[in-house]
Amino acid sequence: DSAHLRPRSNTIGAVARVRAAASGAIHRSLEGMDFIHVHTPIITASDCEGAGEMFGITATGLDGEFFGQPTYLTVSGQLHAEMYACALSRVCLLYTSPSPRDS
């Protein structure tokens, strides 16, 4: 497969530039409305929303566990965003789409 060459194509390069410009504009707009961009955890020790199926991860060379306990990929950053919103009032997460939270 030539996945490593795709970003060199004109189409993928153009899409990346448009997405970067759109993301920057969204960031500036949300900052202008006093939103704080927060980065929620990706690795967690608990099930965020009772989703049931969790994606366990292990660490090579660390007896298979991070921080001495089983760890998982988080199911949702939204729960963490709600906690940030309670503390900071206006927060947003920007993954592939904006998800502002206002308390």
PDB file of N, CA and C in Angstrom:
ATOM      1  N   ASP A   1       0.845  -1.189   0.000  1.00  0.00           N
ATOM      2  CA  ASP A   1       0.000   0.000   0.000  1.00  0.00           C
ATOM      3  C   ASP A   1       0.885   1.245   0.000  1.00  0.00           C
ATOM      4  N   SER A   2       0.374   2.298  -0.544  1.00  0.00           N
ATOM      5  CA  SER A   2       1.152   3.537  -0.645  1.00  0.00           C
ATOM      6  C   SER A   2       0.560   4.648   0.217  1.00  0.00           C
ATOM      7  N   ALA A   3       0.047   4.305   1.389  1.00  0.00           N
ATOM      8  CA  ALA A   3      -0.585   5.297   2.267  1.00  0.00           C
ATOM      9  C   ALA A   3       0.366   6.430   2.626  1.00  0.00           C
ATOM     10  N   HIS A   4       1.654   6.124   2.729  1.00  0.00           N
ATOM     11  CA  HIS A   4       2.625   7.151   3.086  1.00  0.00           C
ATOM     12  C   HIS A   4       2.820   8.189   1.978  1.00  0.00           C
ATOM     13  N   LEU A   5       2.364   7.889   0.782  1.00  0.00           N
ATOM     14  CA  LEU A   5       2.495   8.825  -0.336  1.00  0.00           C
ATOM     15  C   LEU A   5       1.246   9.679  -0.542  1.00  0.00           C
ATOM     16  N   ARG A   6       0.118   9.287   0.027  1.00  0.00           N
ATOM     17  CA  ARG A   6      -1.134  10.018  -0.192  1.00  0.00           C
ATOM     18  C   ARG A   6      -1.045  11.503   0.148  1.00  0.00           C
ATOM     19  N   PRO A   7      -0.433  11.892   1.288  1.00  0.00           N
ATOM     20  CA  PRO A   7      -0.384  13.334   1.597  1.00  0.00           C
ATOM     21  C   PRO A   7       0.377  14.157   0.552  1.00  0.00           C
ATOM     22  N   ARG A   8       1.150  13.499  -0.298  1.00  0.00           N
ATOM     23  CA  ARG A   8       1.889  14.218  -1.341  1.00  0.00           C
ATOM     24  C   ARG A   8       1.030  14.520  -2.557  1.00  0.00           C
ATOM     25  N   SER A   9      -0.143  13.909  -2.642  1.00  0.00           N
ATOM     26  CA  SER A   9      -1.004  14.161  -3.807  1.00  0.00           C
ATOM     27  C   SER A   9      -1.631  15.547  -3.684  1.00  0.00           C
ATOM     28  N   ASN A  10      -1.964  16.132  -4.830  1.00  0.00           N
ATOM     29  CA  ASN A  10      -2.557  17.467  -4.833  1.00  0.00           C
ATOM     30  C   ASN A  10      -3.892  17.486  -4.089  1.00  0.00           C
ATOM     31  N   THR A  11      -4.701  16.452  -4.277  1.00  0.00           N
ATOM     32  CA  THR A  11      -6.024  16.418  -3.654  1.00  0.00           C
ATOM     33  C   THR A  11      -5.924  16.340  -2.143  1.00  0.00           C
ATOM     34  N   ILE A  12      -5.154  15.403  -1.633  1.00  0.00           N
ATOM     35  CA  ILE A  12      -5.026  15.243  -0.179  1.00  0.00           C
ATOM     36  C   ILE A  12      -4.364  16.473   0.428  1.00  0.00           C
ATOM     37  N   GLY A  13      -3.367  17.035  -0.250  1.00  0.00           N
ATOM     38  CA  GLY A  13      -2.723  18.254   0.228  1.00  0.00           C
ATOM     39  C   GLY A  13      -3.707  19.417   0.299  1.00  0.00           C
ATOM     40  N   ALA A  14      -4.554  19.549  -0.720  1.00  0.00           N
ATOM     41  CA  ALA A  14      -5.551  20.625  -0.737  1.00  0.00           C
ATOM     42  C   ALA A  14      -6.567  20.434   0.378  1.00  0.00           C
ATOM     43  N   VAL A  15      -7.027  19.211   0.576  1.00  0.00           N
ATOM     44  CA  VAL A  15      -7.984  18.930   1.641  1.00  0.00           C
ATOM     45  C   VAL A  15      -7.364  19.249   3.000  1.00  0.00           C
ATOM     46  N   ALA A  16      -6.114  18.887   3.204  1.00  0.00           N
ATOM     47  CA  ALA A  16      -5.430  19.169   4.474  1.00  0.00           C
ATOM     48  C   ALA A  16      -5.338  20.673   4.717  1.00  0.00           C
ATOM     49  N   ARG A  17      -5.033  21.448   3.659  1.00  0.00           N
ATOM     50  CA  ARG A  17      -4.944  22.904   3.814  1.00  0.00           C
ATOM     51  C   ARG A  17      -6.302  23.517   4.132  1.00  0.00           C
ATOM     52  N   VAL A  18      -7.352  23.045   3.474  1.00  0.00           N
ATOM     53  CA  VAL A  18      -8.700  23.560   3.744  1.00  0.00           C
ATOM     54  C   VAL A  18      -9.118  23.215   5.172  1.00  0.00           C
ATOM     55  N   ARG A  19      -8.874  21.966   5.589  1.00  0.00           N
ATOM     56  CA  ARG A  19      -9.232  21.564   6.954  1.00  0.00           C
ATOM     57  C   ARG A  19      -8.461  22.375   7.988  1.00  0.00           C
ATOM     58  N   ALA A  20      -7.177  22.630   7.734  1.00  0.00           N
ATOM     59  CA  ALA A  20      -6.378  23.424   8.671  1.00  0.00           C
ATOM     60  C   ALA A  20      -6.915  24.850   8.764  1.00  0.00           C
ATOM     61  N   ALA A  21      -7.273  25.437   7.630  1.00  0.00           N
ATOM     62  CA  ALA A  21      -7.823  26.797   7.634  1.00  0.00           C
ATOM     63  C   ALA A  21      -9.162  26.833   8.361  1.00  0.00           C
ATOM     64  N   ALA A  22     -10.013  25.845   8.118  1.00  0.00           N
ATOM     65  CA  ALA A  22     -11.319  25.791   8.782  1.00  0.00           C
ATOM     66  C   ALA A  22     -11.155  25.593  10.287  1.00  0.00           C
ATOM     67  N   SER A  23     -10.255  24.706  10.664  1.00  0.00           N
ATOM     68  CA  SER A  23     -10.007  24.458  12.088  1.00  0.00           C
ATOM     69  C   SER A  23      -9.493  25.712  12.772  1.00  0.00           C
ATOM     70  N   GLY A  24      -8.574  26.423  12.127  1.00  0.00           N
ATOM     71  CA  GLY A  24      -8.051  27.666  12.684  1.00  0.00           C
ATOM     72  C   GLY A  24      -9.140  28.711  12.849  1.00  0.00           C
ATOM     73  N   ALA A  25     -10.019  28.811  11.851  1.00  0.00           N
ATOM     74  CA  ALA A  25     -11.120  29.781  11.927  1.00  0.00           C
ATOM     75  C   ALA A  25     -12.081  29.425  13.059  1.00  0.00           C
ATOM     76  N   ILE A  26     -12.352  28.145  13.222  1.00  0.00           N
ATOM     77  CA  ILE A  26     -13.245  27.705  14.307  1.00  0.00           C
ATOM     78  C   ILE A  26     -12.604  28.011  15.664  1.00  0.00           C
ATOM     79  N   HIS A  27     -11.306  27.708  15.789  1.00  0.00           N
ATOM     80  CA  HIS A  27     -10.594  28.024  17.041  1.00  0.00           C
ATOM     81  C   HIS A  27     -10.681  29.511  17.360  1.00  0.00           C
ATOM     82  N   ARG A  28     -10.372  30.357  16.371  1.00  0.00           N
ATOM     83  CA  ARG A  28     -10.408  31.801  16.593  1.00  0.00           C
ATOM     84  C   ARG A  28     -11.811  32.274  16.967  1.00  0.00           C
ATOM     85  N   SER A  29     -12.811  31.726  16.301  1.00  0.00           N
ATOM     86  CA  SER A  29     -14.188  32.115  16.585  1.00  0.00           C
ATOM     87  C   SER A  29     -14.586  31.737  18.013  1.00  0.00           C
ATOM     88  N   LEU A  30     -14.268  30.504  18.415  1.00  0.00           N
ATOM     89  CA  LEU A  30     -14.615  30.070  19.767  1.00  0.00           C
ATOM     90  C   LEU A  30     -13.820  30.843  20.817  1.00  0.00           C
ATOM     91  N   GLU A  31     -12.547  31.135  20.541  1.00  0.00           N
ATOM     92  CA  GLU A  31     -11.760  31.962  21.470  1.00  0.00           C
ATOM     93  C   GLU A  31     -12.376  33.348  21.592  1.00  0.00           C
ATOM     94  N   GLY A  32     -12.876  33.890  20.488  1.00  0.00           N
ATOM     95  CA  GLY A  32     -13.522  35.190  20.505  1.00  0.00           C
ATOM     96  C   GLY A  32     -14.791  35.207  21.346  1.00  0.00           C
ATOM     97  N   MET A  33     -15.375  34.026  21.546  1.00  0.00           N
ATOM     98  CA  MET A  33     -16.571  33.912  22.388  1.00  0.00           C
ATOM     99  C   MET A  33     -16.208  33.434  23.796  1.00  0.00           C
ATOM    100  N   ASP A  34     -14.908  33.537  24.137  1.00  0.00           N
ATOM    101  CA  ASP A  34     -14.381  33.183  25.460  1.00  0.00           C
ATOM    102  C   ASP A  34     -14.474  31.705  25.805  1.00  0.00           C
ATOM    103  N   PHE A  35     -14.454  30.832  24.799  1.00  0.00           N
ATOM    104  CA  PHE A  35     -14.363  29.400  25.061  1.00  0.00           C
ATOM    105  C   PHE A  35     -12.902  29.037  25.272  1.00  0.00           C
ATOM    106  N   ILE A  36     -12.648  28.073  26.122  1.00  0.00           N
ATOM    107  CA  ILE A  36     -11.298  27.574  26.378  1.00  0.00           C
ATOM    108  C   ILE A  36     -11.195  26.192  25.755  1.00  0.00           C
ATOM    109  N   HIS A  37     -10.212  26.010  24.895  1.00  0.00           N
ATOM    110  CA  HIS A  37      -9.991  24.716  24.250  1.00  0.00           C
ATOM    111  C   HIS A  37      -9.311  23.792  25.257  1.00  0.00           C
ATOM    112  N   VAL A  38      -9.952  22.672  25.575  1.00  0.00           N
ATOM    113  CA  VAL A  38      -9.381  21.729  26.535  1.00  0.00           C
ATOM    114  C   VAL A  38      -9.053  20.415  25.832  1.00  0.00           C
ATOM    115  N   HIS A  39      -8.061  19.739  26.361  1.00  0.00           N
ATOM    116  CA  HIS A  39      -7.651  18.435  25.854  1.00  0.00           C
ATOM    117  C   HIS A  39      -8.006  17.406  26.918  1.00  0.00           C
ATOM    118  N   THR A  40      -8.958  16.565  26.630  1.00  0.00           N
ATOM    119  CA  THR A  40      -9.395  15.559  27.591  1.00  0.00           C
ATOM    120  C   THR A  40      -8.527  14.308  27.460  1.00  0.00           C
ATOM    121  N   PRO A  41      -8.482  13.477  28.501  1.00  0.00           N
ATOM    122  CA  PRO A  41      -7.645  12.279  28.464  1.00  0.00           C
ATOM    123  C   PRO A  41      -8.056  11.308  27.357  1.00  0.00           C
ATOM    124  N   ILE A  42      -7.070  10.655  26.806  1.00  0.00           N
ATOM    125  CA  ILE A  42      -7.328   9.602  25.826  1.00  0.00           C
ATOM    126  C   ILE A  42      -7.237   8.245  26.511  1.00  0.00           C
ATOM    127  N   ILE A  43      -6.359   8.150  27.509  1.00  0.00           N
ATOM    128  CA  ILE A  43      -6.187   6.918  28.276  1.00  0.00           C
ATOM    129  C   ILE A  43      -6.853   7.115  29.630  1.00  0.00           C
ATOM    130  N   THR A  44      -7.663   6.146  30.031  1.00  0.00           N
ATOM    131  CA  THR A  44      -8.395   6.254  31.288  1.00  0.00           C
ATOM    132  C   THR A  44      -8.393   4.921  32.025  1.00  0.00           C
ATOM    133  N   ALA A  45      -8.686   4.960  33.307  1.00  0.00           N
ATOM    134  CA  ALA A  45      -8.769   3.737  34.102  1.00  0.00           C
ATOM    135  C   ALA A  45     -10.214   3.343  34.359  1.00  0.00           C
ATOM    136  N   SER A  46     -11.158   4.134  33.870  1.00  0.00           N
ATOM    137  CA  SER A  46     -12.559   3.841  34.162  1.00  0.00           C
ATOM    138  C   SER A  46     -13.434   3.979  32.922  1.00  0.00           C
ATOM    139  N   ASP A  47     -14.589   3.361  33.001  1.00  0.00           N
ATOM    140  CA  ASP A  47     -15.584   3.436  31.940  1.00  0.00           C
ATOM    141  C   ASP A  47     -16.327   4.758  32.089  1.00  0.00           C
ATOM    142  N   CYS A  48     -16.172   5.652  31.139  1.00  0.00           N
ATOM    143  CA  CYS A  48     -16.717   7.005  31.265  1.00  0.00           C
ATOM    144  C   CYS A  48     -18.230   7.057  31.329  1.00  0.00           C
ATOM    145  N   GLU A  49     -18.903   6.300  30.501  1.00  0.00           N
ATOM    146  CA  GLU A  49     -20.342   6.464  30.386  1.00  0.00           C
ATOM    147  C   GLU A  49     -21.109   5.155  30.507  1.00  0.00           C
ATOM    148  N   GLY A  50     -20.501   4.155  31.101  1.00  0.00           N
ATOM    149  CA  GLY A  50     -21.180   2.877  31.239  1.00  0.00           C
ATOM    150  C   GLY A  50     -21.472   2.225  29.902  1.00  0.00           C
ATOM    151  N   ALA A  51     -20.594   2.432  28.938  1.00  0.00           N
ATOM    152  CA  ALA A  51     -20.825   1.915  27.592  1.00  0.00           C
ATOM    153  C   ALA A  51     -20.687   0.400  27.528  1.00  0.00           C
ATOM    154  N   GLY A  52     -20.095  -0.188  28.539  1.00  0.00           N
ATOM    155  CA  GLY A  52     -19.972  -1.643  28.572  1.00  0.00           C
ATOM    156  C   GLY A  52     -18.697  -2.150  27.942  1.00  0.00           C
ATOM    157  N   GLU A  53     -18.567  -2.053  26.639  1.00  0.00           N
ATOM    158  CA  GLU A  53     -17.392  -2.560  25.938  1.00  0.00           C
ATOM    159  C   GLU A  53     -16.281  -1.522  25.981  1.00  0.00           C
ATOM    160  N   MET A  54     -15.154  -1.894  26.618  1.00  0.00           N
ATOM    161  CA  MET A  54     -14.031  -0.964  26.698  1.00  0.00           C
ATOM    162  C   MET A  54     -12.862  -1.524  25.912  1.00  0.00           C
ATOM    163  N   PHE A  55     -12.036  -0.647  25.383  1.00  0.00           N
ATOM    164  CA  PHE A  55     -10.891  -1.027  24.591  1.00  0.00           C
ATOM    165  C   PHE A  55      -9.646  -0.996  25.472  1.00  0.00           C
ATOM    166  N   GLY A  56      -9.239  -2.156  25.975  1.00  0.00           N
ATOM    167  CA  GLY A  56      -8.080  -2.235  26.850  1.00  0.00           C
ATOM    168  C   GLY A  56      -6.788  -2.017  26.086  1.00  0.00           C
ATOM    169  N   ILE A  57      -5.817  -1.388  26.743  1.00  0.00           N
ATOM    170  CA  ILE A  57      -4.505  -1.184  26.140  1.00  0.00           C
ATOM    171  C   ILE A  57      -3.436  -1.655  27.116  1.00  0.00           C
ATOM    172  N   THR A  58      -2.316  -2.041  26.574  1.00  0.00           N
ATOM    173  CA  THR A  58      -1.203  -2.483  27.406  1.00  0.00           C
ATOM    174  C   THR A  58       0.057  -1.754  26.989  1.00  0.00           C
ATOM    175  N   ALA A  59       1.023  -1.751  27.889  1.00  0.00           N
ATOM    176  CA  ALA A  59       2.297  -1.085  27.627  1.00  0.00           C
ATOM    177  C   ALA A  59       3.404  -2.121  27.568  1.00  0.00           C
ATOM    178  N   THR A  60       4.137  -2.117  26.496  1.00  0.00           N
ATOM    179  CA  THR A  60       5.269  -3.019  26.364  1.00  0.00           C
ATOM    180  C   THR A  60       6.365  -2.606  27.332  1.00  0.00           C
ATOM    181  N   GLY A  61       6.876  -3.555  28.099  1.00  0.00           N
ATOM    182  CA  GLY A  61       7.964  -3.278  29.025  1.00  0.00           C
ATOM    183  C   GLY A  61       7.511  -2.731  30.368  1.00  0.00           C
ATOM    184  N   LEU A  62       6.207  -2.573  30.579  1.00  0.00           N
ATOM    185  CA  LEU A  62       5.698  -2.064  31.853  1.00  0.00           C
ATOM    186  C   LEU A  62       4.771  -3.084  32.501  1.00  0.00           C
ATOM    187  N   ASP A  63       5.078  -4.343  32.347  1.00  0.00           N
ATOM    188  CA  ASP A  63       4.228  -5.424  32.844  1.00  0.00           C
ATOM    189  C   ASP A  63       2.814  -5.329  32.295  1.00  0.00           C
ATOM    190  N   GLY A  64       2.659  -4.716  31.140  1.00  0.00           N
ATOM    191  CA  GLY A  64       1.375  -4.647  30.473  1.00  0.00           C
ATOM    192  C   GLY A  64       0.416  -3.598  30.990  1.00  0.00           C
ATOM    193  N   GLU A  65       0.774  -2.851  32.029  1.00  0.00           N
ATOM    194  CA  GLU A  65      -0.157  -1.879  32.587  1.00  0.00           C
ATOM    195  C   GLU A  65       0.483  -0.500  32.675  1.00  0.00           C
ATOM    196  N   PHE A  66      -0.327   0.522  32.447  1.00  0.00           N
ATOM    197  CA  PHE A  66       0.093   1.895  32.675  1.00  0.00           C
ATOM    198  C   PHE A  66      -0.218   2.234  34.127  1.00  0.00           C
ATOM    199  N   PHE A  67       0.669   2.877  34.806  1.00  0.00           N
ATOM    200  CA  PHE A  67       0.438   3.353  36.168  1.00  0.00           C
ATOM    201  C   PHE A  67       0.028   2.242  37.128  1.00  0.00           C
ATOM    202  N   GLY A  68       0.445   1.003  36.844  1.00  0.00           N
ATOM    203  CA  GLY A  68       0.179  -0.111  37.742  1.00  0.00           C
ATOM    204  C   GLY A  68      -1.259  -0.582  37.793  1.00  0.00           C
ATOM    205  N   GLN A  69      -2.068  -0.219  36.821  1.00  0.00           N
ATOM    206  CA  GLN A  69      -3.465  -0.668  36.802  1.00  0.00           C
ATOM    207  C   GLN A  69      -3.934  -0.842  35.362  1.00  0.00           C
ATOM    208  N   PRO A  70      -4.990  -1.609  35.155  1.00  0.00           N
ATOM    209  CA  PRO A  70      -5.512  -1.760  33.791  1.00  0.00           C
ATOM    210  C   PRO A  70      -5.945  -0.405  33.231  1.00  0.00           C
ATOM    211  N   THR A  71      -5.695  -0.186  31.954  1.00  0.00           N
ATOM    212  CA  THR A  71      -6.064   1.079  31.328  1.00  0.00           C
ATOM    213  C   THR A  71      -6.791   0.823  30.015  1.00  0.00           C
ATOM    214  N   TYR A  72      -7.546   1.822  29.596  1.00  0.00           N
ATOM    215  CA  TYR A  72      -8.398   1.688  28.427  1.00  0.00           C
ATOM    216  C   TYR A  72      -8.367   2.973  27.614  1.00  0.00           C
ATOM    217  N   LEU A  73      -8.740   2.858  26.336  1.00  0.00           N
ATOM    218  CA  LEU A  73      -8.968   4.055  25.540  1.00  0.00           C
ATOM    219  C   LEU A  73     -10.299   4.627  25.989  1.00  0.00           C
ATOM    220  N   THR A  74     -10.345   5.912  26.169  1.00  0.00           N
ATOM    221  CA  THR A  74     -11.578   6.523  26.651  1.00  0.00           C
ATOM    222  C   THR A  74     -12.695   6.350  25.635  1.00  0.00           C
ATOM    223  N   VAL A  75     -13.893   6.191  26.131  1.00  0.00           N
ATOM    224  CA  VAL A  75     -15.045   6.015  25.270  1.00  0.00           C
ATOM    225  C   VAL A  75     -15.571   7.370  24.817  1.00  0.00           C
ATOM    226  N   SER A  76     -15.399   8.398  25.670  1.00  0.00           N
ATOM    227  CA  SER A  76     -15.941   9.708  25.334  1.00  0.00           C
ATOM    228  C   SER A  76     -15.211  10.803  26.097  1.00  0.00           C
ATOM    229  N   GLY A  77     -14.826  11.845  25.387  1.00  0.00           N
ATOM    230  CA  GLY A  77     -14.249  13.011  26.044  1.00  0.00           C
ATOM    231  C   GLY A  77     -15.315  13.945  26.586  1.00  0.00           C
ATOM    232  N   GLN A  78     -16.570  13.685  26.243  1.00  0.00           N
ATOM    233  CA  GLN A  78     -17.652  14.577  26.649  1.00  0.00           C
ATOM    234  C   GLN A  78     -17.813  14.655  28.164  1.00  0.00           C
ATOM    235  N   LEU A  79     -17.677  13.524  28.850  1.00  0.00           N
ATOM    236  CA  LEU A  79     -17.820  13.533  30.306  1.00  0.00           C
ATOM    237  C   LEU A  79     -16.748  14.422  30.932  1.00  0.00           C
ATOM    238  N   HIS A  80     -15.519  14.319  30.446  1.00  0.00           N
ATOM    239  CA  HIS A  80     -14.440  15.163  30.947  1.00  0.00           C
ATOM    240  C   HIS A  80     -14.708  16.632  30.609  1.00  0.00           C
ATOM    241  N   ALA A  81     -15.254  16.885  29.422  1.00  0.00           N
ATOM    242  CA  ALA A  81     -15.574  18.258  29.024  1.00  0.00           C
ATOM    243  C   ALA A  81     -16.621  18.859  29.953  1.00  0.00           C
ATOM    244  N   GLU A  82     -17.573  18.060  30.385  1.00  0.00           N
ATOM    245  CA  GLU A  82     -18.596  18.563  31.305  1.00  0.00           C
ATOM    246  C   GLU A  82     -17.978  18.956  32.641  1.00  0.00           C
ATOM    247  N   MET A  83     -16.979  18.169  33.099  1.00  0.00           N
ATOM    248  CA  MET A  83     -16.300  18.526  34.357  1.00  0.00           C
ATOM    249  C   MET A  83     -15.512  19.824  34.195  1.00  0.00           C
ATOM    250  N   TYR A  84     -14.836  19.967  33.048  1.00  0.00           N
ATOM    251  CA  TYR A  84     -14.110  21.215  32.771  1.00  0.00           C
ATOM    252  C   TYR A  84     -15.074  22.393  32.709  1.00  0.00           C
ATOM    253  N   ALA A  85     -16.241  22.186  32.088  1.00  0.00           N
ATOM    254  CA  ALA A  85     -17.219  23.263  31.956  1.00  0.00           C
ATOM    255  C   ALA A  85     -17.716  23.721  33.323  1.00  0.00           C
ATOM    256  N   CYS A  86     -17.855  22.787  34.259  1.00  0.00           N
ATOM    257  CA  CYS A  86     -18.278  23.172  35.611  1.00  0.00           C
ATOM    258  C   CYS A  86     -17.225  24.060  36.270  1.00  0.00           C
ATOM    259  N   ALA A  87     -15.950  23.814  35.960  1.00  0.00           N
ATOM    260  CA  ALA A  87     -14.869  24.580  36.576  1.00  0.00           C
ATOM    261  C   ALA A  87     -14.539  25.863  35.811  1.00  0.00           C
ATOM    262  N   LEU A  88     -14.597  25.815  34.481  1.00  0.00           N
ATOM    263  CA  LEU A  88     -14.136  26.936  33.659  1.00  0.00           C
ATOM    264  C   LEU A  88     -15.257  27.644  32.904  1.00  0.00           C
ATOM    265  N   SER A  89     -16.456  27.193  33.021  1.00  0.00           N
ATOM    266  CA  SER A  89     -17.662  27.740  32.377  1.00  0.00           C
ATOM    267  C   SER A  89     -17.773  27.424  30.894  1.00  0.00           C
ATOM    268  N   ARG A  90     -16.895  27.949  30.062  1.00  0.00           N
ATOM    269  CA  ARG A  90     -17.038  27.774  28.614  1.00  0.00           C
ATOM    270  C   ARG A  90     -15.830  27.030  28.069  1.00  0.00           C
ATOM    271  N   VAL A  91     -16.040  25.802  27.636  1.00  0.00           N
ATOM    272  CA  VAL A  91     -14.957  24.998  27.088  1.00  0.00           C
ATOM    273  C   VAL A  91     -15.388  24.382  25.762  1.00  0.00           C
ATOM    274  N   CYS A  92     -14.407  23.997  24.972  1.00  0.00           N
ATOM    275  CA  CYS A  92     -14.717  23.279  23.737  1.00  0.00           C
ATOM    276  C   CYS A  92     -13.668  22.208  23.509  1.00  0.00           C
ATOM    277  N   LEU A  93     -14.106  21.147  22.850  1.00  0.00           N
ATOM    278  CA  LEU A  93     -13.221  20.075  22.388  1.00  0.00           C
ATOM    279  C   LEU A  93     -13.245  20.145  20.880  1.00  0.00           C
ATOM    280  N   LEU A  94     -12.117  20.052  20.260  1.00  0.00           N
ATOM    281  CA  LEU A  94     -12.084  20.057  18.803  1.00  0.00           C
ATOM    282  C   LEU A  94     -11.364  18.804  18.329  1.00  0.00           C
ATOM    283  N   TYR A  95     -12.136  17.815  17.946  1.00  0.00           N
ATOM    284  CA  TYR A  95     -11.568  16.599  17.354  1.00  0.00           C
ATOM    285  C   TYR A  95     -11.753  16.726  15.858  1.00  0.00           C
ATOM    286  N   THR A  96     -12.814  16.139  15.339  1.00  0.00           N
ATOM    287  CA  THR A  96     -13.112  16.319  13.924  1.00  0.00           C
ATOM    288  C   THR A  96     -14.211  17.346  13.730  1.00  0.00           C
ATOM    289  N   SER A  97     -14.916  17.671  14.810  1.00  0.00           N
ATOM    290  CA  SER A  97     -15.936  18.720  14.743  1.00  0.00           C
ATOM    291  C   SER A  97     -15.973  19.420  16.087  1.00  0.00           C
ATOM    292  N   PRO A  98     -16.348  20.692  16.121  1.00  0.00           N
ATOM    293  CA  PRO A  98     -16.386  21.404  17.387  1.00  0.00           C
ATOM    294  C   PRO A  98     -17.529  20.907  18.262  1.00  0.00           C
ATOM    295  N   SER A  99     -17.281  20.858  19.558  1.00  0.00           N
ATOM    296  CA  SER A  99     -18.336  20.463  20.500  1.00  0.00           C
ATOM    297  C   SER A  99     -18.270  21.369  21.712  1.00  0.00           C
ATOM    298  N   PRO A 100     -18.733  22.621  21.574  1.00  0.00           N
ATOM    299  CA  PRO A 100     -18.650  23.555  22.685  1.00  0.00           C
ATOM    300  C   PRO A 100     -19.589  23.163  23.822  1.00  0.00           C
ATOM    301  N   ARG A 101     -19.175  23.472  25.059  1.00  0.00           N
ATOM    302  CA  ARG A 101     -19.986  23.221  26.244  1.00  0.00           C
ATOM    303  C   ARG A 101     -20.035  24.503  27.046  1.00  0.00           C
ATOM    304  N   ASP A 102     -21.211  24.866  27.453  1.00  0.00           N
ATOM    305  CA  ASP A 102     -21.409  26.080  28.211  1.00  0.00           C
ATOM    306  C   ASP A 102     -22.194  25.716  29.459  1.00  0.00           C
ATOM    307  N   SER A 103     -21.651  26.038  30.645  1.00  0.00           N
ATOM    308  CA  SER A 103     -22.363  25.672  31.873  1.00  0.00           C
ATOM    309  C   SER A 103     -23.342  26.753  32.278  1.00  0.00           C
TER     310      SER A 103
END
